[in-house]
Protein backbone atom coordinates (compact mmCIF):
# COMPACT_ATOMS: atom_id res chain seq x y z
CA MET A 1 0.00 0.00 0.00
CA ALA A 2 1.32 3.44 -0.93
CA GLU A 3 2.63 5.62 1.91
CA VAL A 4 3.39 9.32 2.08
CA VAL A 5 6.83 10.66 3.03
CA ARG A 6 6.66 13.88 5.07
CA MET A 7 9.14 16.66 5.81
CA PRO A 8 10.75 15.51 9.09
CA LYS A 9 11.34 17.72 12.14
CA MET A 10 15.13 17.56 12.41
CA SER A 11 15.66 20.01 15.27
CA ASP A 12 13.71 21.38 18.20
CA THR A 13 13.29 24.78 16.52
CA MET A 14 12.61 23.61 12.97
CA THR A 15 9.26 24.66 11.48
CA GLU A 16 10.09 24.23 7.80
CA GLY A 17 12.89 22.82 5.67
CA VAL A 18 14.38 23.35 2.23
CA LEU A 19 14.85 20.35 -0.07
CA ALA A 20 18.48 21.10 -0.87
CA LYS A 21 19.02 18.02 -3.05
CA TRP A 22 17.19 14.87 -4.09
CA HIS A 23 19.29 11.68 -4.27
CA LYS A 24 16.39 9.64 -5.69
CA LYS A 25 13.94 10.23 -8.55
CA VAL A 26 10.50 8.96 -9.49
CA GLY A 27 10.73 5.27 -10.36
CA ASP A 28 13.73 4.54 -8.13
CA LYS A 29 13.44 1.74 -5.60
CA VAL A 30 14.19 2.71 -2.00
CA LYS A 31 15.17 0.57 0.98
CA SER A 32 15.03 1.51 4.63
CA GLY A 33 18.20 3.47 5.47
CA ASP A 34 18.78 4.70 1.90
CA LEU A 35 19.79 8.36 1.52
CA VAL A 36 16.79 10.00 -0.13
CA ALA A 37 17.51 13.73 0.09
CA GLU A 38 19.45 16.51 1.79
CA VAL A 39 17.38 18.93 3.85
CA GLU A 40 18.47 22.43 4.89
CA THR A 41 17.18 23.09 8.40
CA ASP A 42 17.49 26.26 10.47
CA LYS A 43 20.93 25.13 11.68
CA ALA A 44 22.53 22.76 9.15
CA THR A 45 22.11 20.73 5.98
CA MET A 46 21.29 17.18 7.06
CA ASP A 47 20.88 13.81 5.36
CA PHE A 48 17.30 12.47 5.17
CA GLU A 49 17.25 8.68 5.20
CA SER A 50 14.15 6.64 4.39
CA PHE A 51 12.41 4.63 7.08
CA GLN A 52 10.18 3.01 4.44
CA GLU A 53 10.65 0.70 1.48
CA GLY A 54 9.14 0.80 -1.98
CA THR A 55 9.29 2.62 -5.30
CA ILE A 56 9.15 6.40 -5.46
CA LEU A 57 5.82 7.14 -7.14
CA TYR A 58 5.71 10.88 -6.67
CA ILE A 59 7.96 13.80 -5.72
CA GLY A 60 6.06 16.94 -4.76
CA VAL A 61 8.86 19.32 -3.89
CA GLU A 62 11.59 20.49 -6.23
CA GLU A 63 15.13 21.23 -5.09
CA GLY A 64 15.39 24.62 -3.42
CA LYS A 65 11.75 24.69 -2.30
CA ALA A 66 10.89 25.38 1.38
CA VAL A 67 8.02 23.39 2.89
CA PRO A 68 6.62 23.15 6.43
CA VAL A 69 7.35 20.26 8.77
CA ASP A 70 4.97 17.28 8.16
CA ALA A 71 4.11 18.41 4.62
CA ILE A 72 4.10 15.61 2.04
CA ILE A 73 7.26 15.63 -0.04
CA ALA A 74 7.02 12.22 -1.74
CA VAL A 75 5.01 8.99 -2.00
CA LEU A 76 6.40 5.45 -1.80
CA GLY A 77 4.55 2.32 -2.91
CA LYS A 78 4.38 -0.47 -5.45
CA GLU A 79 5.22 0.37 -9.03
CA GLY A 80 2.09 1.53 -10.87
CA GLU A 81 0.03 1.87 -7.69
CA ASP A 82 -2.60 4.64 -7.53
CA PHE A 83 -1.59 7.27 -4.96
CA LYS A 84 -3.56 10.39 -5.92
CA SER A 85 -6.15 9.91 -3.19
CA LEU A 86 -3.38 10.23 -0.57
CA LEU A 87 -2.58 13.73 -1.79
CA THR A 88 -6.15 15.01 -1.87
CA GLU A 89 -7.10 13.53 1.51
CA SER A 90 -4.13 14.94 3.43
CA PRO A 91 -4.45 18.52 4.77
CA ALA A 92 -0.65 18.90 4.61
CA ALA A 93 -0.36 17.81 1.00
CA VAL A 94 2.02 19.64 -1.28
CA THR A 95 0.81 20.46 -4.78
CA ALA A 96 2.53 18.73 -7.65
CA ALA A 97 2.89 21.89 -9.69
CA PRO A 98 6.56 22.61 -10.50
CA VAL A 99 8.15 25.34 -8.42
CA ALA A 100 11.20 27.28 -9.62
CA ALA A 101 14.28 26.71 -7.48
CA ALA A 102 15.88 29.69 -5.77
CA ALA A 103 18.79 31.04 -7.78
CA PRO A 104 22.16 31.78 -6.17
CA ALA A 105 22.94 35.33 -5.11
CA ALA A 106 24.22 37.50 -7.95
CA ILE A 107 24.16 41.09 -9.10
CA VAL A 108 21.86 41.51 -12.10
CA GLU A 109 21.08 44.73 -13.97
CA ALA A 110 17.39 45.63 -13.78
CA SER A 111 15.28 44.82 -16.84
CA PRO A 112 11.70 45.71 -17.83
CA VAL A 113 10.61 42.09 -17.24
CA ALA A 114 10.87 40.71 -13.70
CA PRO A 115 12.46 37.22 -13.40
CA LEU A 116 10.03 34.37 -12.65
CA ALA A 117 12.40 32.43 -10.38
CA ALA A 118 13.23 33.48 -6.84
CA ALA A 119 16.44 35.08 -8.00
CA PRO A 120 18.01 38.08 -6.26
CA THR A 121 16.64 41.40 -7.54
CA VAL A 122 18.94 44.32 -8.33
CA ILE A 123 17.79 47.82 -9.22
CA SER A 124 20.11 50.02 -11.27
CA THR A 125 19.58 53.69 -12.13
CA SER A 126 22.00 56.42 -13.13
CA SER A 127 21.70 60.00 -11.98
CA ASP A 128 21.43 61.27 -15.59
CA ALA A 129 18.50 58.92 -16.23
CA ARG A 130 16.35 61.05 -13.93
CA VAL A 131 17.22 64.35 -15.67
CA LYS A 132 14.77 65.70 -18.28
CA ALA A 133 16.83 66.13 -21.44
CA SER A 134 16.57 65.45 -25.16
CA PRO A 135 18.38 62.34 -26.47
CA LEU A 136 20.77 64.57 -28.48
CA ALA A 137 21.51 66.67 -25.38
CA LYS A 138 22.34 63.51 -23.43
CA LYS A 139 24.60 62.25 -26.22
CA ILE A 140 26.55 65.51 -26.45
CA ALA A 141 26.85 65.75 -22.66
CA GLN A 142 28.26 62.23 -22.49
CA GLU A 143 30.79 62.95 -25.24
CA LYS A 144 31.95 66.14 -23.49
CA GLY A 145 32.00 64.61 -20.02
CA ILE A 146 29.35 67.00 -18.71
CA ASN A 147 27.09 66.02 -15.83
CA LEU A 148 23.54 66.97 -16.84
CA ASN A 149 22.67 67.61 -13.18
CA GLN A 150 24.83 70.76 -13.43
CA ILE A 151 22.80 72.27 -16.32
CA SER A 152 19.60 74.28 -16.02
CA GLY A 153 17.21 73.44 -18.87
CA SER A 154 15.67 76.28 -20.88
CA ALA A 155 12.82 74.31 -22.44
CA GLU A 156 9.38 73.62 -20.97
CA ASN A 157 9.42 72.14 -17.44
CA GLY A 158 13.19 72.60 -17.26
CA ARG A 159 13.99 70.16 -20.08
CA ILE A 160 17.62 70.35 -21.25
CA THR A 161 18.24 70.87 -24.96
CA LYS A 162 21.25 70.59 -27.25
CA LYS A 163 21.70 74.37 -27.02
CA ASP A 164 21.80 74.25 -23.20
CA VAL A 165 24.61 71.68 -23.29
CA GLU A 166 26.63 73.56 -25.93
CA ASN A 167 26.31 76.83 -23.98
CA PHE A 168 27.27 75.26 -20.67
CA LYS A 169 30.36 77.04 -19.31
CA GLY A 170 31.22 74.60 -16.55
CA GLY A 171 34.53 72.77 -16.49
CA THR A 172 34.87 69.82 -18.84
CA SER A 173 38.54 69.01 -18.38
CA MET A 174 37.65 65.81 -16.55
CA PRO A 175 34.73 63.46 -17.28
CA ALA A 176 31.93 63.79 -14.74
CA PHE A 177 31.53 60.76 -12.49
CA VAL A 178 28.13 59.15 -12.87
CA GLY A 179 27.31 56.72 -10.09
CA VAL A 180 25.01 53.72 -10.37
CA GLU A 181 22.73 52.74 -7.53
CA LYS A 182 22.60 48.98 -6.96
CA TYR A 183 21.42 46.53 -4.36
CA THR A 184 21.17 42.78 -4.11
CA GLU A 185 18.37 40.83 -2.45
CA VAL A 186 18.70 37.15 -1.53
CA PRO A 187 16.16 34.79 0.04
CA VAL A 188 16.49 34.47 3.83
CA SER A 189 17.99 31.10 4.81
CA GLN A 190 16.32 28.78 7.31
CA MET A 191 19.16 29.45 9.77
CA ARG A 192 18.81 33.23 9.50
CA LYS A 193 15.02 32.99 9.99
CA THR A 194 15.49 31.04 13.22
CA ILE A 195 18.24 33.35 14.51
CA ALA A 196 15.99 36.35 13.90
CA LYS A 197 13.01 34.73 15.62
CA ARG A 198 14.86 33.40 18.67
CA LEU A 199 16.95 36.50 19.36
CA SER A 200 13.99 38.83 18.85
CA GLU A 201 12.00 36.79 21.36
CA SER A 202 14.96 36.85 23.76
CA LEU A 203 15.60 40.60 23.55
CA PHE A 204 11.96 41.66 23.79
CA THR A 205 10.88 39.00 26.32
CA ALA A 206 13.81 38.73 28.72
CA PRO A 207 14.60 41.98 30.58
CA HIS A 208 18.33 42.32 29.83
CA PHE A 209 20.84 44.18 31.97
CA TYR A 210 24.58 44.41 31.37
CA LEU A 211 27.63 44.25 33.63
CA LYS A 212 31.04 45.28 32.29
CA MET A 213 34.48 44.51 33.70
CA ASN A 214 38.13 44.96 32.67
CA ILE A 215 40.41 41.96 33.21
CA GLU A 216 44.20 42.34 33.19
CA MET A 217 45.46 39.41 31.11
CA SER A 218 49.27 39.68 31.42
CA SER A 219 49.52 36.73 33.83
CA ALA A 220 47.16 34.70 31.66
CA MET A 221 49.35 35.43 28.63
CA GLU A 222 52.43 34.19 30.46
CA ALA A 223 50.58 31.10 31.70
CA ARG A 224 49.40 30.34 28.17
CA LYS A 225 53.00 30.39 26.87
CA ILE A 226 54.07 27.92 29.55
CA ILE A 227 51.05 25.67 28.97
CA ASN A 228 51.59 25.56 25.21
CA ASP A 229 55.16 24.37 25.77
CA VAL A 230 53.82 21.11 27.21
CA ALA A 231 50.19 20.85 26.05
CA PRO A 232 49.35 18.24 23.38
CA VAL A 233 47.32 20.85 21.46
CA LYS A 234 47.59 24.62 21.17
CA ILE A 235 45.57 26.39 23.86
CA SER A 236 43.85 29.66 22.83
CA PHE A 237 42.80 32.59 25.00
CA ASN A 238 39.21 31.57 24.33
CA ASP A 239 39.97 28.13 25.83
CA LEU A 240 41.33 29.81 28.98
CA VAL A 241 38.24 32.02 29.22
CA LEU A 242 35.91 29.06 28.73
CA LYS A 243 37.63 27.08 31.48
CA ALA A 244 37.62 30.06 33.85
CA VAL A 245 33.92 30.65 33.17
CA ALA A 246 33.11 26.99 33.85
CA LEU A 247 34.89 27.04 37.23
CA SER A 248 33.26 30.36 38.12
CA LEU A 249 29.80 28.97 37.36
CA LYS A 250 30.37 26.14 39.82
CA GLN A 251 30.87 28.78 42.52
CA HIS A 252 27.89 30.86 41.36
CA PRO A 253 25.12 28.41 40.34
CA LYS A 254 22.50 31.17 40.22
CA VAL A 255 24.20 32.48 37.07
CA ASN A 256 24.15 28.95 35.62
CA SER A 257 20.36 29.04 35.44
CA SER A 258 17.27 29.18 33.19
CA TRP A 259 13.99 31.06 33.54
CA LEU A 260 11.11 28.59 33.00
CA GLY A 261 8.15 30.87 33.64
CA ASP A 262 6.79 29.52 36.91
CA LYS A 263 10.17 28.32 38.18
CA ILE A 264 13.91 28.89 37.85
CA ARG A 265 16.20 25.97 37.05
CA TYR A 266 19.62 26.10 38.73
CA ASN A 267 21.87 23.76 36.77
CA GLU A 268 24.46 21.78 38.69
CA HIS A 269 26.17 20.69 35.48
CA VAL A 270 28.07 23.22 33.36
CA ASN A 271 27.43 23.04 29.60
CA ILE A 272 28.90 26.06 27.83
CA GLY A 273 27.68 27.14 24.41
CA VAL A 274 30.34 28.65 22.15
CA ALA A 275 29.01 31.08 19.53
CA VAL A 276 30.51 30.24 16.12
CA ALA A 277 30.08 32.56 13.14
CA VAL A 278 29.30 30.80 9.84
CA GLU A 279 28.34 32.12 6.42
CA ASP A 280 24.57 32.09 7.06
CA GLY A 281 24.59 33.28 10.67
CA LEU A 282 25.51 31.96 14.08
CA LEU A 283 25.65 28.47 15.57
CA VAL A 284 26.20 27.63 19.24
CA PRO A 285 27.69 24.15 19.78
CA VAL A 286 28.00 23.06 23.40
CA VAL A 287 31.07 21.96 25.41
CA ARG A 288 29.48 19.67 27.99
CA PHE A 289 30.71 19.37 31.59
CA ALA A 290 33.36 21.97 30.82
CA ASP A 291 34.29 22.42 34.49
CA GLY A 292 35.68 18.88 34.63
CA LYS A 293 37.58 18.91 31.33
CA ALA A 294 41.24 19.72 30.80
CA LEU A 295 42.21 22.70 28.67
CA SER A 296 43.46 20.38 25.93
CA GLN A 297 40.10 18.60 25.82
CA ILE A 298 38.24 21.90 25.62
CA SER A 299 40.54 23.15 22.87
CA THR A 300 40.10 19.97 20.80
CA GLU A 301 36.31 20.02 21.15
CA VAL A 302 35.99 23.69 20.20
CA LYS A 303 38.20 23.27 17.11
CA THR A 304 36.14 20.24 16.04
CA PHE A 305 32.87 22.12 16.53
CA VAL A 306 34.10 25.12 14.54
CA GLN A 307 35.04 22.93 11.58
CA LYS A 308 31.76 20.99 11.73
CA ALA A 309 29.81 24.25 11.86
CA LYS A 310 31.58 25.60 8.78
CA ASP A 311 30.97 22.29 6.97
CA LYS A 312 27.29 22.28 8.07
CA LYS A 313 27.85 18.94 9.79
CA LEU A 314 26.65 19.82 13.30
CA GLN A 315 23.90 17.57 14.63
CA PRO A 316 21.13 18.50 17.11
CA ALA A 317 23.04 16.84 19.96
CA ASP A 318 25.93 19.26 19.30
CA TRP A 319 23.93 22.46 19.89
CA GLU A 320 21.32 21.49 22.48
CA GLY A 321 21.56 21.67 26.28
CA SER A 322 23.68 24.77 27.01
CA THR A 323 23.45 26.35 30.48
CA PHE A 324 25.59 29.43 29.67
CA THR A 325 26.97 30.95 26.46
CA ILE A 326 30.21 32.72 25.48
CA SER A 327 30.50 34.99 22.44
CA ASN A 328 34.07 36.04 21.64
CA LEU A 329 34.78 38.66 18.95
CA GLY A 330 38.29 39.49 20.09
CA MET A 331 39.83 37.71 17.13
CA PHE A 332 38.00 40.18 14.86
CA GLY A 333 39.55 43.23 16.52
CA ILE A 334 36.47 44.06 18.62
CA ASP A 335 37.42 45.27 22.10
CA ASP A 336 33.96 45.82 23.64
CA PHE A 337 30.39 44.73 22.80
CA THR A 338 27.16 43.36 24.29
CA ALA A 339 25.43 40.13 23.30
CA ILE A 340 21.79 38.99 23.30
CA ILE A 341 21.01 36.11 25.68
CA ASN A 342 20.75 32.68 24.03
CA PRO A 343 17.57 31.13 25.52
CA PRO A 344 16.98 29.18 27.67
CA ASP A 345 20.26 30.38 29.28
CA ALA A 346 19.92 33.22 31.78
CA CYS A 347 23.28 34.81 30.85
CA ILE A 348 25.76 35.26 28.01
CA LEU A 349 29.32 36.61 28.24
CA ALA A 350 30.62 38.89 25.47
CA VAL A 351 34.43 38.78 25.26
CA GLY A 352 36.52 41.43 23.50
CA GLY A 353 40.13 41.39 22.36
CA ILE A 354 43.18 42.00 24.54
CA GLN A 355 44.38 45.61 24.27
CA GLU A 356 47.74 47.02 25.38
CA GLN A 357 47.13 49.97 27.71
CA PRO A 358 48.52 51.47 30.95
CA VAL A 359 47.32 49.89 34.21
CA ILE A 360 48.04 50.62 37.86
CA LYS A 361 49.87 47.92 39.83
CA ASN A 362 51.13 48.47 43.35
CA GLY A 363 50.52 52.19 42.99
CA GLN A 364 52.58 52.43 39.80
CA VAL A 365 51.46 52.98 36.21
CA VAL A 366 52.83 50.09 34.15
CA PRO A 367 52.12 48.56 30.71
CA GLY A 368 49.17 46.19 30.80
CA ASN A 369 47.03 43.91 28.63
CA VAL A 370 43.33 44.50 29.24
CA MET A 371 40.41 42.37 28.08
CA LYS A 372 36.90 43.81 28.38
CA VAL A 373 33.98 41.49 29.09
CA THR A 374 30.24 42.19 29.29
CA LEU A 375 27.80 39.89 31.07
CA SER A 376 24.23 40.09 29.72
CA CYS A 377 21.75 38.85 32.34
CA ASP A 378 18.05 37.96 32.36
CA HIS A 379 16.84 40.03 35.31
CA ARG A 380 14.00 37.56 35.94
CA ALA A 381 16.52 34.93 37.04
CA VAL A 382 19.73 36.81 37.91
CA ASP A 383 20.19 39.92 40.07
CA GLY A 384 22.90 42.53 39.62
CA ALA A 385 24.86 41.56 42.74
CA THR A 386 24.79 37.89 41.67
CA GLY A 387 26.19 38.71 38.24
CA ALA A 388 28.81 41.04 39.74
CA ALA A 389 30.03 38.33 42.13
CA PHE A 390 30.40 35.91 39.21
CA LEU A 391 32.51 38.44 37.28
CA GLN A 392 34.74 39.03 40.29
CA THR A 393 35.48 35.30 40.51
CA LEU A 394 36.11 35.14 36.76
CA LYS A 395 38.51 38.09 37.06
CA GLN A 396 40.45 36.31 39.85
CA PHE A 397 40.82 33.13 37.80
CA LEU A 398 42.14 34.96 34.74
CA GLU A 399 44.35 37.48 36.55
CA GLU A 400 45.77 34.72 38.77
CA PRO A 401 45.60 31.67 36.45
CA MET A 402 47.33 29.41 39.02
CA ARG A 403 44.01 29.44 40.91
CA MET A 404 42.37 27.94 37.85
CA LEU A 405 45.12 25.46 37.04
CA LEU A 406 45.20 24.14 40.59
CA GLN A 407 41.55 23.14 40.22
CA SER A 408 42.27 21.21 36.99
CA ASN A 409 43.62 17.66 37.11
CA ASN A 410 45.76 18.13 34.01
CA ILE A 411 46.41 20.42 31.07
């Protein structure tokens, strides 16, 4: 008996998916476990394997088409079997009419006829195109390098004539620059849609407040040099910050929390989300139980996650379950910024780059290396004094890294 194949829900936030690529066509036989298609979700492009067996009788979604979760995308059954009743009876059925696939982003000059496919649209106009002038006046002005915007027309309604151009006394030693206005529009990706929805809900639902602190990183820089002399992998400043945050959260569990409406969850485990920038937006893979892991383990995990994110290979288990998030833009030359809380976490730490600047030590002004951090807090779950105490502990761990290393079993 013929069976419908529906768009699967591949993540907790997925509401629709894009059929990125079909690996089977109508008439192909499919076994359970066969790769049928690739689906672009809000976070990654994932393989869709069949849980059914049979012959593909119908494909209702072309490559590049977005459809909601549970919508019919194909029908499997016996060769020659009638399946049309399945499509008309199902409220989530997808019409069989061909749909043009979305074209890749490109800059295209505007034309009188709009493209039928979902291709990017570009508008192009020149400044001279908006000036009222005769065709001959425009031709002469172009040959002489005269910008028509500089000429006052003598004809009706200010229209510029050949005579106006020939009598123009402005400078013509250099051709006038004529700019062209352009813009490119591209369809919003599933990932970008979800980022926009979740962060908008976070910013306008959770009452944010922000705590800033300067951390002197000279001792941490020295410690990192020593550690990298013996560590099996290269340890980054971000790895040191992540480890220090994890240990600080163990001392301040109220920061390691989530607002659940009628209750607050105080997490005893420490799972730290690490914001990773990719082409389509932002992904937040999670380093689990970070407080108990060595710096080399943290470094290896983060590097693996970054590569998987760029390759769109992250799976739901990689990005779910964070209790706190770190967003670090220091490597991009940013020294200070604020971040929007990543729900359901109650806090996120924005980390800037390390800047050389004078600091006071023992009453003396000496060269220093300062890193600015900003803690964004959900005021429903975390109070100002609670967040401030967490930052003080974090500052101690990074300014006196031996405190942190003594709590770790190994590097």
